Amino acid sequence: MHSLFKAILIPILIFASFTDADAFSIRKKATINIISDVLTPSLPELVPYNAVLTDTIIRYGIRKVIVPISDYLRSIDFSEMPEEYDIWSDTKINPYQVNLVDMKDTVKIDLSSFFTPVQSYVTSNFGFRRWRHHYGIDLKVHKGDSVYNAFDGVVRITKRARDYGYYVLVRHFNGLETLYAHLNKITVKPGDTLGAGTPVGLGGNTGRSTGYHLHFEVRYLGNPINPNDIIDFNSFVLKNQILALNSQHFEYKKEIDKIRFWTVRRGDTLGRISQRTGISIAKLCSLNGIKRTSILRIGQRIRYT
């Protein structure tokens, strides 16, 4: 009995010897251990900053360039579509017959949605080319290369012509029209609404063409504009997101208006035409891309200014 009493009493005395501070210390250590156990798991690895969301999946390391619409563009009072565009023709490139050489106002056109038709080098520029004016710019393509629509708009003409070959003309919502010629195949039809960057056809060599290339024109109310005034064809980016169109863009037409032609009649020779016009034979050959020995045809037009 005495041994049993000692066995019970001794553990009680040992437990009672702990102070309140010791007890608190034990509880504190236990608490800290519990918290430590909770915080031990590591956080998940962060997603790289350059992850971008595509239509279906997240891809890493692939950046898509998105051109923002500048705030100042939102405040620009862009010009409305000209009322002449009430005329709709699916056969005539220029049904408007409006001369813009002496236009009085400046037309502000939004170019911000631009997409380059092709990305290749220039083979022939806008301007006089031998005896005629070249109203667009030629860009090298290979057979079957995709040709893309430059701005949002509606297809007005798809046609085959003797000079242009297979071509497409698109009227854009910003007031411009663009033309894509010498195509091997047309992939749109009149009335189609297209976004910028939508294919209009495949590169080719149809019509009056000496090799595979895209003939690209920019027009306003049927009047050609030098594409170099809009696009940097070295980098294929816009020179400005706003085109301030005015009469100076059509100064080249004054030079065209100065051109005079002689229509060849029976018995005409280069010597006779030279005498009648006062222009040397060498100059006549240079202006018309012919030789002194070239045979003239009745009805042929010979430029002499």
C-alpha atoms as a PDB file:
ATOM      1  CA  MET A   1       0.000   0.000   0.000  1.00  0.00           C
ATOM      2  CA  HIS A   2       2.826   2.312   0.869  1.00  0.00           C
ATOM      3  CA  SER A   3       4.557   1.524  -2.435  1.00  0.00           C
ATOM      4  CA  LEU A   4       1.385   2.252  -4.368  1.00  0.00           C
ATOM      5  CA  PHE A   5       1.029   5.620  -2.634  1.00  0.00           C
ATOM      6  CA  LYS A   6       4.586   6.586  -3.584  1.00  0.00           C
ATOM      7  CA  ALA A   7       4.047   5.569  -7.188  1.00  0.00           C
ATOM      8  CA  ILE A   8       1.070   7.932  -7.471  1.00  0.00           C
ATOM      9  CA  LEU A   9       2.489  10.837  -5.453  1.00  0.00           C
ATOM     10  CA  ILE A  10       5.893  11.190  -7.165  1.00  0.00           C
ATOM     11  CA  PRO A  11       4.561  11.980 -10.690  1.00  0.00           C
ATOM     12  CA  ILE A  12       2.125  14.521  -9.155  1.00  0.00           C
ATOM     13  CA  LEU A  13       4.966  16.330  -7.392  1.00  0.00           C
ATOM     14  CA  ILE A  14       7.087  16.369 -10.592  1.00  0.00           C
ATOM     15  CA  PHE A  15       4.240  17.876 -12.621  1.00  0.00           C
ATOM     16  CA  ALA A  16       3.564  20.478  -9.904  1.00  0.00           C
ATOM     17  CA  SER A  17       7.205  21.595  -9.983  1.00  0.00           C
ATOM     18  CA  PHE A  18       6.693  23.281 -13.406  1.00  0.00           C
ATOM     19  CA  THR A  19       6.036  27.032 -13.109  1.00  0.00           C
ATOM     20  CA  ASP A  20       3.379  28.897 -15.014  1.00  0.00           C
ATOM     21  CA  ALA A  21       6.109  30.362 -17.214  1.00  0.00           C
ATOM     22  CA  ASP A  22       7.357  26.877 -18.080  1.00  0.00           C
ATOM     23  CA  ALA A  23       3.887  25.779 -18.969  1.00  0.00           C
ATOM     24  CA  PHE A  24       3.371  28.807 -21.203  1.00  0.00           C
ATOM     25  CA  SER A  25       6.734  28.130 -22.842  1.00  0.00           C
ATOM     26  CA  ILE A  26       5.646  24.608 -23.702  1.00  0.00           C
ATOM     27  CA  ARG A  27       2.365  25.858 -25.152  1.00  0.00           C
ATOM     28  CA  LYS A  28       4.187  28.565 -27.116  1.00  0.00           C
ATOM     29  CA  LYS A  29       6.626  26.086 -28.627  1.00  0.00           C
ATOM     30  CA  ALA A  30       3.791  23.830 -29.585  1.00  0.00           C
ATOM     31  CA  THR A  31       1.952  26.693 -31.243  1.00  0.00           C
ATOM     32  CA  ILE A  32       5.021  27.787 -33.185  1.00  0.00           C
ATOM     33  CA  ASN A  33       5.585  24.247 -34.374  1.00  0.00           C
ATOM     34  CA  ILE A  34       2.005  24.051 -35.609  1.00  0.00           C
ATOM     35  CA  ILE A  35       2.276  27.371 -37.531  1.00  0.00           C
ATOM     36  CA  SER A  36       5.594  26.297 -38.972  1.00  0.00           C
ATOM     37  CA  ASP A  37       4.014  23.116 -40.223  1.00  0.00           C
ATOM     38  CA  VAL A  38       1.199  25.107 -41.888  1.00  0.00           C
ATOM     39  CA  LEU A  39       3.581  27.494 -43.724  1.00  0.00           C
ATOM     40  CA  THR A  40       5.984  24.819 -44.876  1.00  0.00           C
ATOM     41  CA  PRO A  41       4.400  24.066 -48.323  1.00  0.00           C
ATOM     42  CA  SER A  42       6.005  26.270 -51.079  1.00  0.00           C
ATOM     43  CA  LEU A  43       3.953  28.580 -53.283  1.00  0.00           C
ATOM     44  CA  PRO A  44       3.298  27.509 -56.917  1.00  0.00           C
ATOM     45  CA  GLU A  45       5.745  28.799 -59.506  1.00  0.00           C
ATOM     46  CA  LEU A  46       4.603  32.065 -61.086  1.00  0.00           C
ATOM     47  CA  VAL A  47       3.491  32.058 -64.756  1.00  0.00           C
ATOM     48  CA  PRO A  48       6.070  33.886 -66.957  1.00  0.00           C
ATOM     49  CA  TYR A  49       5.128  37.478 -67.732  1.00  0.00           C
ATOM     50  CA  ASN A  50       5.292  36.950 -71.470  1.00  0.00           C
ATOM     51  CA  ALA A  51       2.534  34.351 -71.568  1.00  0.00           C
ATOM     52  CA  VAL A  52      -0.220  35.387 -73.977  1.00  0.00           C
ATOM     53  CA  LEU A  53      -3.755  34.066 -74.375  1.00  0.00           C
ATOM     54  CA  THR A  54      -4.625  32.759 -77.823  1.00  0.00           C
ATOM     55  CA  ASP A  55      -8.030  31.661 -79.037  1.00  0.00           C
ATOM     56  CA  THR A  56      -7.718  28.232 -77.449  1.00  0.00           C
ATOM     57  CA  ILE A  57      -4.609  27.783 -75.300  1.00  0.00           C
ATOM     58  CA  ILE A  58      -1.975  29.649 -73.337  1.00  0.00           C
ATOM     59  CA  ARG A  59       1.434  29.634 -74.988  1.00  0.00           C
ATOM     60  CA  TYR A  60       4.647  30.761 -73.368  1.00  0.00           C
ATOM     61  CA  GLY A  61       7.329  32.837 -74.992  1.00  0.00           C
ATOM     62  CA  ILE A  62       5.192  33.842 -78.004  1.00  0.00           C
ATOM     63  CA  ARG A  63       4.370  37.539 -78.244  1.00  0.00           C
ATOM     64  CA  LYS A  64       1.662  38.847 -80.537  1.00  0.00           C
ATOM     65  CA  VAL A  65       2.140  42.451 -81.580  1.00  0.00           C
ATOM     66  CA  ILE A  66      -1.067  44.382 -80.997  1.00  0.00           C
ATOM     67  CA  VAL A  67      -1.029  47.921 -82.347  1.00  0.00           C
ATOM     68  CA  PRO A  68      -3.031  50.095 -79.947  1.00  0.00           C
ATOM     69  CA  ILE A  69      -5.322  52.825 -81.194  1.00  0.00           C
ATOM     70  CA  SER A  70      -3.686  55.989 -79.979  1.00  0.00           C
ATOM     71  CA  ASP A  71      -5.823  58.146 -77.731  1.00  0.00           C
ATOM     72  CA  TYR A  72      -5.393  61.119 -80.023  1.00  0.00           C
ATOM     73  CA  LEU A  73      -6.943  59.163 -82.915  1.00  0.00           C
ATOM     74  CA  ARG A  74     -10.167  58.895 -80.939  1.00  0.00           C
ATOM     75  CA  SER A  75     -10.435  62.675 -80.819  1.00  0.00           C
ATOM     76  CA  ILE A  76      -9.762  63.275 -84.545  1.00  0.00           C
ATOM     77  CA  ASP A  77     -12.727  64.480 -86.567  1.00  0.00           C
ATOM     78  CA  PHE A  78     -12.172  62.245 -89.586  1.00  0.00           C
ATOM     79  CA  SER A  79     -13.854  63.177 -92.854  1.00  0.00           C
ATOM     80  CA  GLU A  80     -17.037  61.352 -93.754  1.00  0.00           C
ATOM     81  CA  MET A  81     -17.347  59.188 -96.832  1.00  0.00           C
ATOM     82  CA  PRO A  82     -17.775  61.452 -99.872  1.00  0.00           C
ATOM     83  CA  GLU A  83     -21.337  61.598-101.148  1.00  0.00           C
ATOM     84  CA  GLU A  84     -20.079  60.632-104.618  1.00  0.00           C
ATOM     85  CA  TYR A  85     -19.657  57.131-103.186  1.00  0.00           C
ATOM     86  CA  ASP A  86     -23.418  56.764-103.545  1.00  0.00           C
ATOM     87  CA  ILE A  87     -22.349  55.705-107.042  1.00  0.00           C
ATOM     88  CA  TRP A  88     -21.625  51.987-107.062  1.00  0.00           C
ATOM     89  CA  SER A  89     -20.156  50.322-110.132  1.00  0.00           C
ATOM     90  CA  ASP A  90     -18.907  46.769-110.370  1.00  0.00           C
ATOM     91  CA  THR A  91     -17.365  47.391-113.811  1.00  0.00           C
ATOM     92  CA  LYS A  92     -15.767  50.886-113.868  1.00  0.00           C
ATOM     93  CA  ILE A  93     -12.690  51.663-111.768  1.00  0.00           C
ATOM     94  CA  ASN A  94     -13.458  55.402-111.839  1.00  0.00           C
ATOM     95  CA  PRO A  95     -17.171  56.081-112.285  1.00  0.00           C
ATOM     96  CA  TYR A  96     -16.976  59.370-110.343  1.00  0.00           C
ATOM     97  CA  GLN A  97     -15.269  61.709-112.847  1.00  0.00           C
ATOM     98  CA  VAL A  98     -14.109  64.097-110.110  1.00  0.00           C
ATOM     99  CA  ASN A  99     -10.949  66.156-110.690  1.00  0.00           C
ATOM    100  CA  LEU A 100      -9.095  66.718-107.415  1.00  0.00           C
ATOM    101  CA  VAL A 101      -6.198  68.803-108.786  1.00  0.00           C
ATOM    102  CA  ASP A 102      -7.823  71.963-107.426  1.00  0.00           C
ATOM    103  CA  MET A 103      -9.548  70.507-104.370  1.00  0.00           C
ATOM    104  CA  LYS A 104     -10.018  73.218-101.733  1.00  0.00           C
ATOM    105  CA  ASP A 105     -10.384  71.247 -98.533  1.00  0.00           C
ATOM    106  CA  THR A 106      -8.156  68.807 -96.657  1.00  0.00           C
ATOM    107  CA  VAL A 107      -9.657  65.374 -96.129  1.00  0.00           C
ATOM    108  CA  LYS A 108      -8.594  63.489 -92.995  1.00  0.00           C
ATOM    109  CA  ILE A 109      -8.454  59.729 -93.498  1.00  0.00           C
ATOM    110  CA  ASP A 110      -7.911  57.096 -90.784  1.00  0.00           C
ATOM    111  CA  LEU A 111      -5.186  54.644 -91.844  1.00  0.00           C
ATOM    112  CA  SER A 112      -4.715  52.905 -88.487  1.00  0.00           C
ATOM    113  CA  SER A 113      -6.154  49.526 -89.587  1.00  0.00           C
ATOM    114  CA  PHE A 114      -3.565  49.104 -92.387  1.00  0.00           C
ATOM    115  CA  PHE A 115      -2.320  45.644 -93.355  1.00  0.00           C
ATOM    116  CA  THR A 116       0.386  45.333 -96.006  1.00  0.00           C
ATOM    117  CA  PRO A 117      -0.869  43.565 -99.189  1.00  0.00           C
ATOM    118  CA  VAL A 118       2.446  41.741 -99.593  1.00  0.00           C
ATOM    119  CA  GLN A 119       5.837  42.153 -97.996  1.00  0.00           C
ATOM    120  CA  SER A 120       8.351  42.222-100.811  1.00  0.00           C
ATOM    121  CA  TYR A 121      10.598  44.582-102.736  1.00  0.00           C
ATOM    122  CA  VAL A 122       9.484  47.242-105.225  1.00  0.00           C
ATOM    123  CA  THR A 123      10.016  46.425-108.909  1.00  0.00           C
ATOM    124  CA  SER A 124       8.455  49.569-110.407  1.00  0.00           C
ATOM    125  CA  ASN A 125       7.414  52.792-108.723  1.00  0.00           C
ATOM    126  CA  PHE A 126       4.592  55.292-109.044  1.00  0.00           C
ATOM    127  CA  GLY A 127       5.138  57.960-111.721  1.00  0.00           C
ATOM    128  CA  PHE A 128       6.108  58.325-115.357  1.00  0.00           C
ATOM    129  CA  ARG A 129       7.401  55.128-116.934  1.00  0.00           C
ATOM    130  CA  ARG A 130       8.634  55.759-120.443  1.00  0.00           C
ATOM    131  CA  TRP A 131       5.743  57.253-122.387  1.00  0.00           C
ATOM    132  CA  ARG A 132       2.938  56.630-119.888  1.00  0.00           C
ATOM    133  CA  HIS A 133       2.154  57.263-116.238  1.00  0.00           C
ATOM    134  CA  HIS A 134       2.248  54.322-113.829  1.00  0.00           C
ATOM    135  CA  TYR A 135      -0.636  54.844-111.377  1.00  0.00           C
ATOM    136  CA  GLY A 136       0.441  52.301-108.780  1.00  0.00           C
ATOM    137  CA  ILE A 137       3.455  50.533-107.379  1.00  0.00           C
ATOM    138  CA  ASP A 138       4.669  47.070-108.375  1.00  0.00           C
ATOM    139  CA  LEU A 139       5.767  44.603-105.699  1.00  0.00           C
ATOM    140  CA  LYS A 140       7.477  41.306-106.408  1.00  0.00           C
ATOM    141  CA  VAL A 141       5.432  38.147-105.775  1.00  0.00           C
ATOM    142  CA  HIS A 142       5.749  34.490-106.679  1.00  0.00           C
ATOM    143  CA  LYS A 143       2.982  32.500-108.279  1.00  0.00           C
ATOM    144  CA  GLY A 144       0.384  31.616-105.651  1.00  0.00           C
ATOM    145  CA  ASP A 145       1.549  34.065-102.961  1.00  0.00           C
ATOM    146  CA  SER A 146      -1.372  35.410-100.914  1.00  0.00           C
ATOM    147  CA  VAL A 147      -2.322  39.036-101.554  1.00  0.00           C
ATOM    148  CA  TYR A 148      -4.039  40.752 -98.617  1.00  0.00           C
ATOM    149  CA  ASN A 149      -6.646  43.490 -98.309  1.00  0.00           C
ATOM    150  CA  ALA A 150      -5.128  46.742 -96.992  1.00  0.00           C
ATOM    151  CA  PHE A 151      -8.048  48.222 -94.981  1.00  0.00           C
ATOM    152  CA  ASP A 152     -11.529  47.187 -93.830  1.00  0.00           C
ATOM    153  CA  GLY A 153     -14.014  47.521 -96.651  1.00  0.00           C
ATOM    154  CA  VAL A 154     -16.307  46.019 -99.298  1.00  0.00           C
ATOM    155  CA  VAL A 155     -15.288  44.431-102.611  1.00  0.00           C
ATOM    156  CA  ARG A 156     -16.566  46.568-105.504  1.00  0.00           C
ATOM    157  CA  ILE A 157     -14.993  44.922-108.568  1.00  0.00           C
ATOM    158  CA  THR A 158     -13.568  41.510-109.430  1.00  0.00           C
ATOM    159  CA  LYS A 159     -12.739  41.278-113.101  1.00  0.00           C
ATOM    160  CA  ARG A 160     -10.280  40.330-115.824  1.00  0.00           C
ATOM    161  CA  ALA A 161      -9.032  43.193-117.996  1.00  0.00           C
ATOM    162  CA  ARG A 162      -6.587  43.370-120.898  1.00  0.00           C
ATOM    163  CA  ASP A 163      -4.067  45.499-119.003  1.00  0.00           C
ATOM    164  CA  TYR A 164      -4.681  44.616-115.320  1.00  0.00           C
ATOM    165  CA  GLY A 165      -5.317  40.925-115.867  1.00  0.00           C
ATOM    166  CA  TYR A 166      -7.290  39.485-112.947  1.00  0.00           C
ATOM    167  CA  TYR A 167      -7.847  42.315-110.479  1.00  0.00           C
ATOM    168  CA  VAL A 168      -9.820  43.242-107.366  1.00  0.00           C
ATOM    169  CA  LEU A 169     -10.940  46.703-106.289  1.00  0.00           C
ATOM    170  CA  VAL A 170     -12.048  47.283-102.681  1.00  0.00           C
ATOM    171  CA  ARG A 171     -13.878  50.335-101.343  1.00  0.00           C
ATOM    172  CA  HIS A 172     -12.777  50.986 -97.772  1.00  0.00           C
ATOM    173  CA  PHE A 173     -14.762  52.414 -94.904  1.00  0.00           C
ATOM    174  CA  ASN A 174     -12.163  55.179 -94.457  1.00  0.00           C
ATOM    175  CA  GLY A 175     -12.915  56.640 -97.913  1.00  0.00           C
ATOM    176  CA  LEU A 176     -10.032  55.139 -99.893  1.00  0.00           C
ATOM    177  CA  GLU A 177     -10.184  52.458-102.562  1.00  0.00           C
ATOM    178  CA  THR A 178      -7.380  50.001-103.339  1.00  0.00           C
ATOM    179  CA  LEU A 179      -6.729  47.910-106.436  1.00  0.00           C
ATOM    180  CA  TYR A 180      -4.800  44.618-106.698  1.00  0.00           C
ATOM    181  CA  ALA A 181      -3.859  43.570-110.249  1.00  0.00           C
ATOM    182  CA  HIS A 182      -2.123  40.793-112.276  1.00  0.00           C
ATOM    183  CA  LEU A 183      -3.517  38.159-109.888  1.00  0.00           C
ATOM    184  CA  ASN A 184      -3.342  34.493-110.769  1.00  0.00           C
ATOM    185  CA  LYS A 185      -6.625  33.832-108.953  1.00  0.00           C
ATOM    186  CA  ILE A 186      -9.340  35.918-107.281  1.00  0.00           C
ATOM    187  CA  THR A 187     -10.654  34.584-103.959  1.00  0.00           C
ATOM    188  CA  VAL A 188     -13.421  37.143-103.232  1.00  0.00           C
ATOM    189  CA  LYS A 189     -16.536  38.393-105.005  1.00  0.00           C
ATOM    190  CA  PRO A 190     -18.311  41.778-105.319  1.00  0.00           C
ATOM    191  CA  GLY A 191     -20.235  42.709-102.193  1.00  0.00           C
ATOM    192  CA  ASP A 192     -17.990  40.745 -99.812  1.00  0.00           C
ATOM    193  CA  THR A 193     -17.170  42.624 -96.607  1.00  0.00           C
ATOM    194  CA  LEU A 194     -13.482  42.195 -95.790  1.00  0.00           C
ATOM    195  CA  GLY A 195     -11.333  42.992 -92.797  1.00  0.00           C
ATOM    196  CA  ALA A 196      -7.818  44.317 -93.218  1.00  0.00           C
ATOM    197  CA  GLY A 197      -5.522  41.353 -93.810  1.00  0.00           C
ATOM    198  CA  THR A 198      -8.115  39.174 -95.540  1.00  0.00           C
ATOM    199  CA  PRO A 199      -6.728  37.525 -98.716  1.00  0.00           C
ATOM    200  CA  VAL A 200      -8.234  38.895-101.963  1.00  0.00           C
ATOM    201  CA  GLY A 201      -6.349  36.626-104.357  1.00  0.00           C
ATOM    202  CA  LEU A 202      -3.114  34.898-105.313  1.00  0.00           C
ATOM    203  CA  GLY A 203      -0.093  36.510-106.913  1.00  0.00           C
ATOM    204  CA  GLY A 204       0.266  36.080-110.640  1.00  0.00           C
ATOM    205  CA  ASN A 205       1.366  37.386-114.038  1.00  0.00           C
ATOM    206  CA  THR A 206      -1.907  38.010-115.903  1.00  0.00           C
ATOM    207  CA  GLY A 207      -2.698  40.929-118.202  1.00  0.00           C
ATOM    208  CA  ARG A 208      -0.033  43.308-119.477  1.00  0.00           C
ATOM    209  CA  SER A 209       2.765  42.025-117.279  1.00  0.00           C
ATOM    210  CA  THR A 210       6.365  40.960-117.853  1.00  0.00           C
ATOM    211  CA  GLY A 211       6.807  38.908-114.689  1.00  0.00           C
ATOM    212  CA  TYR A 212       5.148  37.834-111.460  1.00  0.00           C
ATOM    213  CA  HIS A 213       4.292  40.923-109.437  1.00  0.00           C
ATOM    214  CA  LEU A 214       1.442  42.726-107.678  1.00  0.00           C
ATOM    215  CA  HIS A 215       0.323  46.038-109.123  1.00  0.00           C
ATOM    216  CA  PHE A 216      -1.087  47.937-106.118  1.00  0.00           C
ATOM    217  CA  GLU A 217      -3.038  51.205-106.383  1.00  0.00           C
ATOM    218  CA  VAL A 218      -4.539  53.551-103.789  1.00  0.00           C
ATOM    219  CA  ARG A 219      -7.358  55.828-104.995  1.00  0.00           C
ATOM    220  CA  TYR A 220      -9.695  58.487-103.643  1.00  0.00           C
ATOM    221  CA  LEU A 221     -12.818  59.211-105.695  1.00  0.00           C
ATOM    222  CA  GLY A 222     -11.150  57.363-108.543  1.00  0.00           C
ATOM    223  CA  ASN A 223      -8.006  59.519-108.458  1.00  0.00           C
ATOM    224  CA  PRO A 224      -4.752  57.594-107.870  1.00  0.00           C
ATOM    225  CA  ILE A 225      -2.585  58.568-104.879  1.00  0.00           C
ATOM    226  CA  ASN A 226       1.107  57.768-104.727  1.00  0.00           C
ATOM    227  CA  PRO A 227       1.267  54.778-102.309  1.00  0.00           C
ATOM    228  CA  ASN A 228       4.663  56.080-101.147  1.00  0.00           C
ATOM    229  CA  ASP A 229       2.825  59.012 -99.526  1.00  0.00           C
ATOM    230  CA  ILE A 230       1.143  56.501 -97.215  1.00  0.00           C
ATOM    231  CA  ILE A 231       3.412  53.472 -96.806  1.00  0.00           C
ATOM    232  CA  ASP A 232       7.123  53.037 -96.173  1.00  0.00           C
ATOM    233  CA  PHE A 233       7.912  50.191 -98.565  1.00  0.00           C
ATOM    234  CA  ASN A 234      11.224  49.472 -96.859  1.00  0.00           C
ATOM    235  CA  SER A 235       9.613  48.538 -93.537  1.00  0.00           C
ATOM    236  CA  PHE A 236       6.005  48.075 -94.765  1.00  0.00           C
ATOM    237  CA  VAL A 237       4.549  50.293 -92.048  1.00  0.00           C
ATOM    238  CA  LEU A 238       2.478  53.463 -92.271  1.00  0.00           C
ATOM    239  CA  LYS A 239       4.256  56.790 -92.463  1.00  0.00           C
ATOM    240  CA  ASN A 240       1.408  58.257 -90.424  1.00  0.00           C
ATOM    241  CA  GLN A 241      -1.835  56.892 -89.031  1.00  0.00           C
ATOM    242  CA  ILE A 242      -3.687  59.871 -90.498  1.00  0.00           C
ATOM    243  CA  LEU A 243      -3.616  60.892 -94.167  1.00  0.00           C
ATOM    244  CA  ALA A 244      -4.253  64.619 -94.611  1.00  0.00           C
ATOM    245  CA  LEU A 245      -5.268  64.456 -98.259  1.00  0.00           C
ATOM    246  CA  ASN A 246      -5.150  67.693-100.257  1.00  0.00           C
ATOM    247  CA  SER A 247      -4.567  69.024-103.781  1.00  0.00           C
ATOM    248  CA  GLN A 248      -0.801  68.534-103.559  1.00  0.00           C
ATOM    249  CA  HIS A 249      -1.284  64.773-103.699  1.00  0.00           C
ATOM    250  CA  PHE A 250      -2.601  65.261-107.245  1.00  0.00           C
ATOM    251  CA  GLU A 251      -0.010  67.707-108.593  1.00  0.00           C
ATOM    252  CA  TYR A 252       1.320  64.967-110.866  1.00  0.00           C
ATOM    253  CA  LYS A 253      -1.876  65.271-112.915  1.00  0.00           C
ATOM    254  CA  LYS A 254      -0.831  68.720-114.098  1.00  0.00           C
ATOM    255  CA  GLU A 255       2.194  67.144-115.773  1.00  0.00           C
ATOM    256  CA  ILE A 256      -0.006  64.474-117.331  1.00  0.00           C
ATOM    257  CA  ASP A 257      -2.320  67.179-118.691  1.00  0.00           C
ATOM    258  CA  LYS A 258       0.646  68.703-120.527  1.00  0.00           C
ATOM    259  CA  ILE A 259       1.213  65.525-122.508  1.00  0.00           C
ATOM    260  CA  ARG A 260       0.324  65.755-126.192  1.00  0.00           C
ATOM    261  CA  PHE A 261       0.007  62.918-128.704  1.00  0.00           C
ATOM    262  CA  TRP A 262       0.255  62.699-132.471  1.00  0.00           C
ATOM    263  CA  THR A 263      -2.053  60.151-134.064  1.00  0.00           C
ATOM    264  CA  VAL A 264      -0.260  58.404-136.919  1.00  0.00           C
ATOM    265  CA  ARG A 265      -1.866  58.828-140.351  1.00  0.00           C
ATOM    266  CA  ARG A 266      -1.100  57.245-143.708  1.00  0.00           C
ATOM    267  CA  GLY A 267       2.356  58.320-144.908  1.00  0.00           C
ATOM    268  CA  ASP A 268       3.584  59.488-141.489  1.00  0.00           C
ATOM    269  CA  THR A 269       7.181  58.786-140.492  1.00  0.00           C
ATOM    270  CA  LEU A 270       9.172  59.800-137.440  1.00  0.00           C
ATOM    271  CA  GLY A 271      10.909  62.407-139.604  1.00  0.00           C
ATOM    272  CA  ARG A 272       7.603  63.924-140.727  1.00  0.00           C
ATOM    273  CA  ILE A 273       6.185  63.911-137.187  1.00  0.00           C
ATOM    274  CA  SER A 274       9.393  65.570-135.974  1.00  0.00           C
ATOM    275  CA  GLN A 275       9.010  68.340-138.558  1.00  0.00           C
ATOM    276  CA  ARG A 276       5.340  68.931-137.735  1.00  0.00           C
ATOM    277  CA  THR A 277       5.783  68.982-133.958  1.00  0.00           C
ATOM    278  CA  GLY A 278       9.237  70.542-133.662  1.00  0.00           C
ATOM    279  CA  ILE A 279      10.446  67.644-131.494  1.00  0.00           C
ATOM    280  CA  SER A 280      13.631  65.773-132.445  1.00  0.00           C
ATOM    281  CA  ILE A 281      13.452  62.156-133.567  1.00  0.00           C
ATOM    282  CA  ALA A 282      15.687  61.169-130.644  1.00  0.00           C
ATOM    283  CA  LYS A 283      13.257  62.809-128.215  1.00  0.00           C
ATOM    284  CA  LEU A 284      10.261  61.126-129.875  1.00  0.00           C
ATOM    285  CA  CYS A 285      11.966  57.738-129.540  1.00  0.00           C
ATOM    286  CA  SER A 286      12.812  58.392-125.890  1.00  0.00           C
ATOM    287  CA  LEU A 287       9.289  59.509-124.978  1.00  0.00           C
ATOM    288  CA  ASN A 288       7.678  56.524-126.688  1.00  0.00           C
ATOM    289  CA  GLY A 289      10.178  53.760-126.012  1.00  0.00           C
ATOM    290  CA  ILE A 290      10.748  53.074-129.702  1.00  0.00           C
ATOM    291  CA  LYS A 291      13.682  53.039-132.134  1.00  0.00           C
ATOM    292  CA  ARG A 292      14.337  55.061-135.294  1.00  0.00           C
ATOM    293  CA  THR A 293      13.716  51.881-137.257  1.00  0.00           C
ATOM    294  CA  SER A 294      10.390  51.103-135.572  1.00  0.00           C
ATOM    295  CA  ILE A 295       7.457  50.661-137.949  1.00  0.00           C
ATOM    296  CA  LEU A 296       4.570  53.024-137.215  1.00  0.00           C
ATOM    297  CA  ARG A 297       0.972  51.835-137.415  1.00  0.00           C
ATOM    298  CA  ILE A 298      -1.943  53.921-138.611  1.00  0.00           C
ATOM    299  CA  GLY A 299      -3.869  55.080-135.555  1.00  0.00           C
ATOM    300  CA  GLN A 300      -0.857  54.685-133.250  1.00  0.00           C
ATOM    301  CA  ARG A 301      -0.446  57.514-130.713  1.00  0.00           C
ATOM    302  CA  ILE A 302       3.017  59.059-130.552  1.00  0.00           C
ATOM    303  CA  ARG A 303       3.744  61.237-127.537  1.00  0.00           C
ATOM    304  CA  TYR A 304       5.632  64.437-128.380  1.00  0.00           C
ATOM    305  CA  THR A 305       5.510  66.456-125.129  1.00  0.00           C
END
